[in-house]
Amino acid sequence: MPKQVEQRLRKYLFRYFRDYLQYFEEEEIEEWKSITEKNIFDYIQIKLLIVDSECRTDIIEFHIEGNCDWEPEHGLEITISNGKILYVGPFEDYGPNSSRLKYALENYGYYNEDADVKMNYVDKE
């Protein structure tokens, strides 16, 4: 993975983690203080690399399903197309060229720190 993409991915994963801290009790938060943007990959587990039928063949695009230690119920999804990170958040089965992802981006957009509900932890690239 190119270094710039890896750095952005760490940033987005850390946002996802940090947002979920609000759901933990005060004493639980203490155990998560060691997670940083630098070591965030230590707290995720990639299960599947998905190249589904809607992925285009003229560019590299895929989505990843995995687990993250802070959100065991909904897990993790990362969607990448042509070197751009399109989605980081709980698993929603958002293939890079799917109508589901297009709908989500049109209706929920990209990361907005001021939004009440955050659906995607990625900046528009």
C-alpha atoms as a PDB file:
ATOM      1  CA  MET A   1       0.000   0.000   0.000  1.00  0.00           C
ATOM      2  CA  PRO A   2       1.422   3.419  -0.863  1.00  0.00           C
ATOM      3  CA  LYS A   3       2.604   5.301   2.239  1.00  0.00           C
ATOM      4  CA  GLN A   4       0.170   8.196   1.689  1.00  0.00           C
ATOM      5  CA  VAL A   5      -2.812   5.834   1.476  1.00  0.00           C
ATOM      6  CA  GLU A   6      -1.629   4.014   4.610  1.00  0.00           C
ATOM      7  CA  GLN A   7      -1.336   7.306   6.522  1.00  0.00           C
ATOM      8  CA  ARG A   8      -4.844   8.375   5.534  1.00  0.00           C
ATOM      9  CA  LEU A   9      -6.210   4.941   6.423  1.00  0.00           C
ATOM     10  CA  ARG A  10      -4.648   5.153   9.903  1.00  0.00           C
ATOM     11  CA  LYS A  11      -6.230   8.590  10.366  1.00  0.00           C
ATOM     12  CA  TYR A  12      -9.688   7.342   9.328  1.00  0.00           C
ATOM     13  CA  LEU A  13      -9.508   4.185  11.445  1.00  0.00           C
ATOM     14  CA  PHE A  14      -8.479   6.251  14.451  1.00  0.00           C
ATOM     15  CA  ARG A  15     -11.493   8.546  13.906  1.00  0.00           C
ATOM     16  CA  TYR A  16     -13.748   5.494  13.844  1.00  0.00           C
ATOM     17  CA  PHE A  17     -12.202   4.258  17.077  1.00  0.00           C
ATOM     18  CA  ARG A  18     -12.328   7.662  18.782  1.00  0.00           C
ATOM     19  CA  ASP A  19     -15.994   8.149  17.894  1.00  0.00           C
ATOM     20  CA  TYR A  20     -16.891   4.828  19.514  1.00  0.00           C
ATOM     21  CA  LEU A  21     -15.349   5.828  22.829  1.00  0.00           C
ATOM     22  CA  GLN A  22     -18.578   7.705  23.585  1.00  0.00           C
ATOM     23  CA  TYR A  23     -20.349   4.358  24.024  1.00  0.00           C
ATOM     24  CA  PHE A  24     -17.989   3.091  26.732  1.00  0.00           C
ATOM     25  CA  GLU A  25     -18.213   3.610  30.468  1.00  0.00           C
ATOM     26  CA  GLU A  26     -15.547   5.803  32.059  1.00  0.00           C
ATOM     27  CA  GLU A  27     -13.671   2.829  33.539  1.00  0.00           C
ATOM     28  CA  GLU A  28     -13.688   1.045  30.151  1.00  0.00           C
ATOM     29  CA  ILE A  29     -12.117   4.029  28.409  1.00  0.00           C
ATOM     30  CA  GLU A  30      -8.998   3.624  30.534  1.00  0.00           C
ATOM     31  CA  GLU A  31      -8.122   0.338  28.821  1.00  0.00           C
ATOM     32  CA  TRP A  32      -8.311   1.965  25.369  1.00  0.00           C
ATOM     33  CA  LYS A  33      -5.907   4.836  26.103  1.00  0.00           C
ATOM     34  CA  SER A  34      -3.004   2.966  24.525  1.00  0.00           C
ATOM     35  CA  ILE A  35      -4.574   3.087  21.047  1.00  0.00           C
ATOM     36  CA  THR A  36      -3.054   5.767  18.830  1.00  0.00           C
ATOM     37  CA  GLU A  37      -3.172   6.615  15.161  1.00  0.00           C
ATOM     38  CA  LYS A  38       0.294   5.080  14.853  1.00  0.00           C
ATOM     39  CA  ASN A  39      -0.632   1.658  16.352  1.00  0.00           C
ATOM     40  CA  ILE A  40      -4.287   1.440  15.220  1.00  0.00           C
ATOM     41  CA  PHE A  41      -3.503  -1.475  12.851  1.00  0.00           C
ATOM     42  CA  ASP A  42      -2.669  -3.583  15.921  1.00  0.00           C
ATOM     43  CA  TYR A  43      -6.355  -3.431  16.916  1.00  0.00           C
ATOM     44  CA  ILE A  44      -7.933  -4.559  13.651  1.00  0.00           C
ATOM     45  CA  GLN A  45      -8.090  -7.989  12.024  1.00  0.00           C
ATOM     46  CA  ILE A  46      -8.713  -8.282   8.282  1.00  0.00           C
ATOM     47  CA  LYS A  47     -10.914 -11.284   7.428  1.00  0.00           C
ATOM     48  CA  LEU A  48     -11.790 -10.884   3.750  1.00  0.00           C
ATOM     49  CA  LEU A  49     -10.634  -8.954   0.722  1.00  0.00           C
ATOM     50  CA  ILE A  50     -13.721  -8.650  -1.481  1.00  0.00           C
ATOM     51  CA  VAL A  51     -13.624  -8.032  -5.220  1.00  0.00           C
ATOM     52  CA  ASP A  52     -17.280  -8.374  -6.118  1.00  0.00           C
ATOM     53  CA  SER A  53     -18.997  -8.445  -9.493  1.00  0.00           C
ATOM     54  CA  GLU A  54     -19.651  -4.690  -9.421  1.00  0.00           C
ATOM     55  CA  CYS A  55     -15.927  -3.881  -9.177  1.00  0.00           C
ATOM     56  CA  ARG A  56     -14.492  -2.448 -12.373  1.00  0.00           C
ATOM     57  CA  THR A  57     -11.680  -4.390 -14.047  1.00  0.00           C
ATOM     58  CA  ASP A  58      -9.762  -1.440 -15.503  1.00  0.00           C
ATOM     59  CA  ILE A  59      -8.741  -0.100 -12.056  1.00  0.00           C
ATOM     60  CA  ILE A  60      -7.892  -1.618  -8.686  1.00  0.00           C
ATOM     61  CA  GLU A  61     -10.885  -1.530  -6.377  1.00  0.00           C
ATOM     62  CA  PHE A  62     -12.058  -3.686  -3.522  1.00  0.00           C
ATOM     63  CA  HIS A  63     -13.496  -3.636  -0.049  1.00  0.00           C
ATOM     64  CA  ILE A  64     -12.284  -5.316   3.094  1.00  0.00           C
ATOM     65  CA  GLU A  65     -14.265  -6.947   5.865  1.00  0.00           C
ATOM     66  CA  GLY A  66     -12.705  -7.289   9.259  1.00  0.00           C
ATOM     67  CA  ASN A  67     -12.947  -6.967  12.992  1.00  0.00           C
ATOM     68  CA  CYS A  68     -11.864  -4.163  15.243  1.00  0.00           C
ATOM     69  CA  ASP A  69     -11.337  -4.548  18.977  1.00  0.00           C
ATOM     70  CA  TRP A  70     -13.462  -1.543  19.911  1.00  0.00           C
ATOM     71  CA  GLU A  71     -16.596  -2.519  17.912  1.00  0.00           C
ATOM     72  CA  PRO A  72     -17.033  -6.306  17.980  1.00  0.00           C
ATOM     73  CA  GLU A  73     -20.704  -6.239  16.965  1.00  0.00           C
ATOM     74  CA  HIS A  74     -20.508  -4.386  13.637  1.00  0.00           C
ATOM     75  CA  GLY A  75     -16.857  -4.857  12.791  1.00  0.00           C
ATOM     76  CA  LEU A  76     -15.054  -2.940  10.134  1.00  0.00           C
ATOM     77  CA  GLU A  77     -15.192  -2.211   6.438  1.00  0.00           C
ATOM     78  CA  ILE A  78     -12.706  -0.356   4.251  1.00  0.00           C
ATOM     79  CA  THR A  79     -13.599   0.465   0.640  1.00  0.00           C
ATOM     80  CA  ILE A  80     -10.898   1.554  -1.807  1.00  0.00           C
ATOM     81  CA  SER A  81     -11.093   2.455  -5.485  1.00  0.00           C
ATOM     82  CA  ASN A  82      -8.136   3.462  -7.629  1.00  0.00           C
ATOM     83  CA  GLY A  83      -6.072   4.456  -4.573  1.00  0.00           C
ATOM     84  CA  LYS A  84      -8.874   6.527  -3.016  1.00  0.00           C
ATOM     85  CA  ILE A  85     -10.372   5.491   0.287  1.00  0.00           C
ATOM     86  CA  LEU A  86     -14.139   5.850  -0.085  1.00  0.00           C
ATOM     87  CA  TYR A  87     -15.454   4.364   3.145  1.00  0.00           C
ATOM     88  CA  VAL A  88     -14.238   3.383   6.612  1.00  0.00           C
ATOM     89  CA  GLY A  89     -16.737   2.351   9.244  1.00  0.00           C
ATOM     90  CA  PRO A  90     -18.875  -0.555  10.382  1.00  0.00           C
ATOM     91  CA  PHE A  91     -19.438  -3.300   7.823  1.00  0.00           C
ATOM     92  CA  GLU A  92     -22.285  -2.339   5.461  1.00  0.00           C
ATOM     93  CA  ASP A  93     -21.240  -4.288   2.332  1.00  0.00           C
ATOM     94  CA  TYR A  94     -20.306  -1.135   0.423  1.00  0.00           C
ATOM     95  CA  GLY A  95     -18.535  -2.336  -2.706  1.00  0.00           C
ATOM     96  CA  PRO A  96     -16.591   0.443  -4.455  1.00  0.00           C
ATOM     97  CA  ASN A  97     -18.912   0.635  -7.449  1.00  0.00           C
ATOM     98  CA  SER A  98     -22.134  -0.428  -5.757  1.00  0.00           C
ATOM     99  CA  SER A  99     -25.407   1.467  -5.732  1.00  0.00           C
ATOM    100  CA  ARG A 100     -25.429   1.025  -1.931  1.00  0.00           C
ATOM    101  CA  LEU A 101     -22.186   3.003  -1.572  1.00  0.00           C
ATOM    102  CA  LYS A 102     -23.346   5.652  -4.048  1.00  0.00           C
ATOM    103  CA  TYR A 103     -26.557   6.075  -2.054  1.00  0.00           C
ATOM    104  CA  ALA A 104     -24.651   6.305   1.249  1.00  0.00           C
ATOM    105  CA  LEU A 105     -22.223   8.900  -0.097  1.00  0.00           C
ATOM    106  CA  GLU A 106     -25.032  10.982  -1.579  1.00  0.00           C
ATOM    107  CA  ASN A 107     -27.128  10.858   1.597  1.00  0.00           C
ATOM    108  CA  TYR A 108     -24.569  10.649   4.418  1.00  0.00           C
ATOM    109  CA  GLY A 109     -21.447  11.942   2.695  1.00  0.00           C
ATOM    110  CA  TYR A 110     -17.982  11.925   4.093  1.00  0.00           C
ATOM    111  CA  TYR A 111     -16.645  12.667   7.538  1.00  0.00           C
ATOM    112  CA  ASN A 112     -18.211  15.607   9.333  1.00  0.00           C
ATOM    113  CA  GLU A 113     -16.965  16.100  12.870  1.00  0.00           C
ATOM    114  CA  ASP A 114     -20.049  18.155  13.769  1.00  0.00           C
ATOM    115  CA  ALA A 115     -22.614  15.598  12.572  1.00  0.00           C
ATOM    116  CA  ASP A 116     -24.726  13.945  15.264  1.00  0.00           C
ATOM    117  CA  VAL A 117     -24.423  10.562  13.587  1.00  0.00           C
ATOM    118  CA  LYS A 118     -21.259   9.692  11.731  1.00  0.00           C
ATOM    119  CA  MET A 119     -21.630   7.071   9.019  1.00  0.00           C
ATOM    120  CA  ASN A 120     -18.273   7.358   7.249  1.00  0.00           C
ATOM    121  CA  TYR A 121     -14.933   8.321   8.760  1.00  0.00           C
ATOM    122  CA  VAL A 122     -13.250   9.267   5.467  1.00  0.00           C
ATOM    123  CA  ASP A 123     -12.473  12.723   4.099  1.00  0.00           C
ATOM    124  CA  LYS A 124     -13.572  13.267   0.523  1.00  0.00           C
ATOM    125  CA  GLU A 125     -10.457  12.469  -1.502  1.00  0.00           C
END
